[in-house]
N, C-alpha and C. Protein backbone atom coordinates (compact mmCIF):
# COMPACT_ATOMS: atom_id res chain seq x y z
N MET A 1 20.85 73.39 43.37
CA MET A 1 21.49 72.61 42.24
C MET A 1 21.05 72.16 41.04
N PRO A 2 19.42 71.29 41.33
CA PRO A 2 18.93 70.65 39.95
C PRO A 2 18.82 71.82 39.18
N ILE A 3 18.83 73.15 39.47
CA ILE A 3 18.71 74.02 37.97
C ILE A 3 20.17 73.82 37.40
N CYS A 4 21.01 73.98 38.13
CA CYS A 4 22.49 73.96 37.46
C CYS A 4 22.37 72.35 36.27
N LEU A 5 21.61 71.54 36.58
CA LEU A 5 21.93 70.20 35.80
C LEU A 5 21.23 70.61 34.41
N PRO A 6 20.40 70.65 33.68
CA PRO A 6 20.00 71.46 32.63
C PRO A 6 21.08 72.37 32.03
N ARG A 7 21.83 73.59 32.74
CA ARG A 7 22.98 74.24 32.23
C ARG A 7 24.02 73.16 31.65
N TRP A 8 24.25 71.99 32.71
CA TRP A 8 25.52 71.53 32.64
C TRP A 8 25.23 70.90 31.21
N ILE A 9 24.39 70.05 30.86
CA ILE A 9 24.02 69.03 30.08
C ILE A 9 24.34 70.14 28.54
N THR A 10 23.60 71.14 28.82
CA THR A 10 23.71 71.96 27.68
C THR A 10 25.03 72.56 27.53
N GLY A 11 25.57 72.51 28.08
CA GLY A 11 27.61 73.12 28.18
C GLY A 11 27.32 74.38 28.46
N ARG A 12 26.53 74.89 29.01
CA ARG A 12 26.31 76.47 28.74
C ARG A 12 27.30 77.06 30.06
N ARG A 13 28.28 77.41 29.96
CA ARG A 13 29.01 77.69 30.84
C ARG A 13 29.81 78.65 31.00
N PRO A 14 29.89 79.60 32.18
CA PRO A 14 30.69 80.73 32.03
C PRO A 14 32.12 81.01 32.24
N PRO A 15 32.53 81.85 31.36
CA PRO A 15 34.39 82.32 31.75
C PRO A 15 34.41 81.92 33.41
N GLY A 16 35.58 81.58 33.65
CA GLY A 16 36.01 81.62 35.03
C GLY A 16 37.56 80.53 35.12
N PHE A 17 37.54 80.13 36.86
CA PHE A 17 37.84 79.39 37.34
C PHE A 17 37.29 78.47 37.62
N ALA A 18 37.28 77.11 37.20
CA ALA A 18 36.57 75.83 37.57
C ALA A 18 37.46 75.19 38.68
N TYR A 19 36.35 74.96 39.33
CA TYR A 19 37.11 73.85 40.83
C TYR A 19 36.83 72.85 40.90
N HIS A 20 35.82 72.45 39.20
CA HIS A 20 35.41 70.64 39.89
C HIS A 20 36.17 69.37 39.52
N GLN A 21 37.42 70.04 38.65
CA GLN A 21 38.24 68.62 38.16
C GLN A 21 39.24 68.72 40.05
N ALA A 22 39.22 68.83 40.43
CA ALA A 22 39.43 68.21 41.98
C ALA A 22 38.87 67.65 42.75
N LYS A 23 37.69 67.88 42.34
CA LYS A 23 36.58 67.40 42.97
C LYS A 23 36.19 65.84 41.86
N LYS A 24 36.60 65.88 41.08
CA LYS A 24 35.36 65.31 39.94
C LYS A 24 35.66 63.46 39.94
N LEU A 25 36.83 63.22 40.53
CA LEU A 25 37.47 61.37 40.66
C LEU A 25 36.08 60.48 42.07
N PRO A 26 36.38 61.88 43.12
CA PRO A 26 35.26 61.58 44.12
C PRO A 26 34.00 61.40 43.82
N VAL A 27 33.56 62.22 43.07
CA VAL A 27 31.78 62.63 43.02
C VAL A 27 31.38 61.52 41.92
N ILE A 28 32.98 60.97 41.29
CA ILE A 28 31.85 60.16 40.24
C ILE A 28 32.33 58.86 40.94
N VAL A 29 33.03 58.62 41.83
CA VAL A 29 32.81 57.21 42.94
C VAL A 29 31.48 57.26 43.35
N PHE A 30 31.35 58.22 44.47
CA PHE A 30 30.47 58.01 45.13
C PHE A 30 29.14 58.34 43.96
N MET A 31 28.47 58.65 43.16
CA MET A 31 27.73 58.36 42.03
C MET A 31 27.49 57.02 41.90
N ALA A 32 28.18 56.48 41.38
CA ALA A 32 28.46 54.94 40.94
C ALA A 32 28.43 54.37 42.24
N LEU A 33 28.63 54.25 43.14
CA LEU A 33 28.29 53.70 44.53
C LEU A 33 27.04 53.71 45.08
N LEU A 34 26.62 54.80 44.66
CA LEU A 34 25.40 55.20 45.11
C LEU A 34 24.12 54.53 44.11
N VAL A 35 24.63 54.49 42.83
CA VAL A 35 23.66 53.76 42.18
C VAL A 35 23.78 52.44 42.22
N PHE A 36 24.97 51.62 41.77
CA PHE A 36 24.69 50.05 42.37
C PHE A 36 24.20 49.80 43.85
N GLU A 37 24.67 50.50 45.05
CA GLU A 37 23.98 50.58 45.89
C GLU A 37 22.00 50.69 46.00
N SER A 38 21.77 51.56 45.28
CA SER A 38 20.39 51.97 45.34
C SER A 38 19.28 50.71 44.32
N LEU A 39 20.43 50.18 43.76
CA LEU A 39 19.62 49.49 42.34
C LEU A 39 19.75 48.02 43.28
N GLY A 40 20.74 47.50 43.68
CA GLY A 40 20.49 46.13 44.41
C GLY A 40 19.91 46.21 45.73
N THR A 41 19.93 47.57 46.65
CA THR A 41 18.86 47.35 47.83
C THR A 41 17.33 47.04 47.39
N HIS A 42 17.32 47.77 45.99
CA HIS A 42 15.06 48.30 45.13
C HIS A 42 15.25 46.57 44.59
N LEU A 43 16.01 45.48 44.34
CA LEU A 43 16.49 44.65 43.98
C LEU A 43 16.02 43.80 44.78
N VAL A 44 16.47 43.46 46.22
CA VAL A 44 16.53 42.82 47.09
C VAL A 44 15.25 42.74 47.38
N LEU A 45 14.65 44.24 48.10
CA LEU A 45 13.23 44.60 48.54
C LEU A 45 12.08 44.07 47.93
N LEU A 46 12.46 44.33 46.03
CA LEU A 46 11.63 43.56 45.46
C LEU A 46 11.47 42.13 45.39
N ALA A 47 12.59 41.07 45.95
CA ALA A 47 12.34 39.94 45.86
C ALA A 47 11.57 39.50 47.01
N ILE A 48 11.49 40.10 48.21
CA ILE A 48 11.45 40.35 49.44
C ILE A 48 9.96 40.73 50.07
N PHE A 49 9.38 42.10 49.13
CA PHE A 49 8.24 42.32 49.32
C PHE A 49 7.14 42.56 48.64
N GLY A 50 8.12 42.12 47.08
CA GLY A 50 7.31 42.29 46.19
C GLY A 50 7.05 43.57 45.74
N GLY A 51 6.00 43.98 44.42
CA GLY A 51 5.77 45.26 44.39
C GLY A 51 4.95 46.29 44.99
N GLN A 52 5.41 46.23 46.42
CA GLN A 52 4.16 47.10 46.92
C GLN A 52 5.04 48.62 47.01
N TRP A 53 3.68 49.41 47.84
CA TRP A 53 4.29 51.06 47.08
C TRP A 53 5.32 51.50 47.49
N TRP A 54 5.76 51.05 48.96
CA TRP A 54 6.48 52.22 49.77
C TRP A 54 8.15 51.42 49.04
N VAL A 55 7.98 50.24 48.15
CA VAL A 55 9.42 49.59 48.04
C VAL A 55 9.30 50.95 46.64
N TRP A 56 8.39 51.30 45.96
CA TRP A 56 8.70 51.88 44.95
C TRP A 56 8.98 53.59 45.51
N LEU A 57 8.38 53.99 46.40
CA LEU A 57 8.37 54.90 46.73
C LEU A 57 10.06 54.73 47.75
N LEU A 58 11.34 54.78 47.63
CA LEU A 58 11.73 54.15 48.47
C LEU A 58 12.84 54.71 46.68
N PHE A 59 12.49 53.93 45.65
CA PHE A 59 13.38 54.19 44.25
C PHE A 59 13.12 55.18 43.69
N GLY A 60 11.87 55.70 43.93
CA GLY A 60 11.92 56.98 43.92
C GLY A 60 12.70 58.19 44.58
N LEU A 61 12.99 58.06 45.48
CA LEU A 61 13.78 58.92 46.70
C LEU A 61 15.41 58.89 46.55
N ASP A 62 15.43 57.45 45.64
CA ASP A 62 16.97 57.25 45.46
C ASP A 62 17.45 58.07 43.51
N VAL A 63 15.90 57.90 42.78
CA VAL A 63 16.27 58.29 41.86
C VAL A 63 16.19 59.86 42.20
N PHE A 64 16.02 60.71 42.93
CA PHE A 64 15.56 61.82 43.14
C PHE A 64 17.41 62.11 43.89
N THR A 65 17.70 61.75 44.60
CA THR A 65 18.94 61.68 45.14
C THR A 65 20.40 61.41 43.93
N TRP A 66 19.55 60.68 43.01
CA TRP A 66 20.79 61.00 42.01
C TRP A 66 20.76 62.29 41.16
N LEU A 67 19.90 62.53 41.10
CA LEU A 67 19.41 63.77 40.45
C LEU A 67 20.06 65.41 41.54
N TRP A 68 19.85 65.00 42.17
CA TRP A 68 20.99 66.16 43.36
C TRP A 68 22.01 65.79 43.21
N LEU A 69 22.79 64.47 43.32
CA LEU A 69 24.39 64.69 43.39
C LEU A 69 24.30 65.05 42.09
N PHE A 70 23.60 64.34 40.45
CA PHE A 70 24.15 65.14 39.32
C PHE A 70 24.28 66.68 38.99
N GLY A 71 23.33 67.14 40.08
CA GLY A 71 22.99 68.24 39.77
C GLY A 71 24.56 69.67 40.93
N TYR A 72 24.55 68.88 41.94
CA TYR A 72 25.69 68.84 43.03
C TYR A 72 27.08 69.10 41.86
N TYR A 73 27.24 68.04 40.54
CA TYR A 73 28.61 68.33 40.19
C TYR A 73 28.47 69.38 38.68
N GLY A 74 27.19 69.11 38.48
CA GLY A 74 26.48 70.16 37.48
C GLY A 74 27.24 71.56 37.95
N SER A 75 26.68 71.48 39.51
CA SER A 75 26.85 73.17 39.91
C SER A 75 28.47 73.68 40.41
N LEU A 76 29.08 72.76 40.28
CA LEU A 76 31.33 73.02 40.20
C LEU A 76 31.43 72.97 39.08
N VAL A 77 30.51 72.45 38.27
CA VAL A 77 30.62 73.17 36.48
C VAL A 77 30.66 74.49 35.76
N VAL A 78 28.98 74.89 36.25
CA VAL A 78 28.71 75.41 35.46
C VAL A 78 28.63 76.70 36.55
N LEU A 79 29.26 76.86 37.78
CA LEU A 79 29.60 77.66 38.47
C LEU A 79 30.49 78.49 39.32
N PRO A 80 31.36 78.81 37.86
CA PRO A 80 32.89 78.58 38.57
C PRO A 80 33.11 79.85 39.11
N HIS A 81 34.18 80.13 39.94
CA HIS A 81 34.96 81.55 40.93
C HIS A 81 35.45 82.37 39.18
N GLN A 82 35.10 84.11 39.43
CA GLN A 82 35.89 84.45 38.45
C GLN A 82 37.20 85.48 39.42
N ILE A 83 37.63 85.80 38.82
CA ILE A 83 38.25 86.81 39.75
C ILE A 83 38.27 87.95 38.87
N ASP A 84 38.18 89.02 38.99
CA ASP A 84 38.50 90.59 38.43
C ASP A 84 39.18 91.52 39.40
N LYS A 85 39.64 92.63 38.01
CA LYS A 85 40.28 93.17 38.99
C LYS A 85 38.93 94.99 39.37
């Protein structure tokens, strides 16, 4: 899925039946909730524990999760179904 992210950003899409339209709203809502939740959690952890290494490690894992979720949506866009005879 992370390989699909650059293809989605650059706009290289093969012709075919893309099925990402039906999943667009739930994925966008989930991405927004994930971003706000992880930023809020990170700020609370920074306020309580300070800048310890494991707080930054958790934030790095959150960013990795964001990339995977964007890659998931990108895979829906750039890997459509193709119907041939």
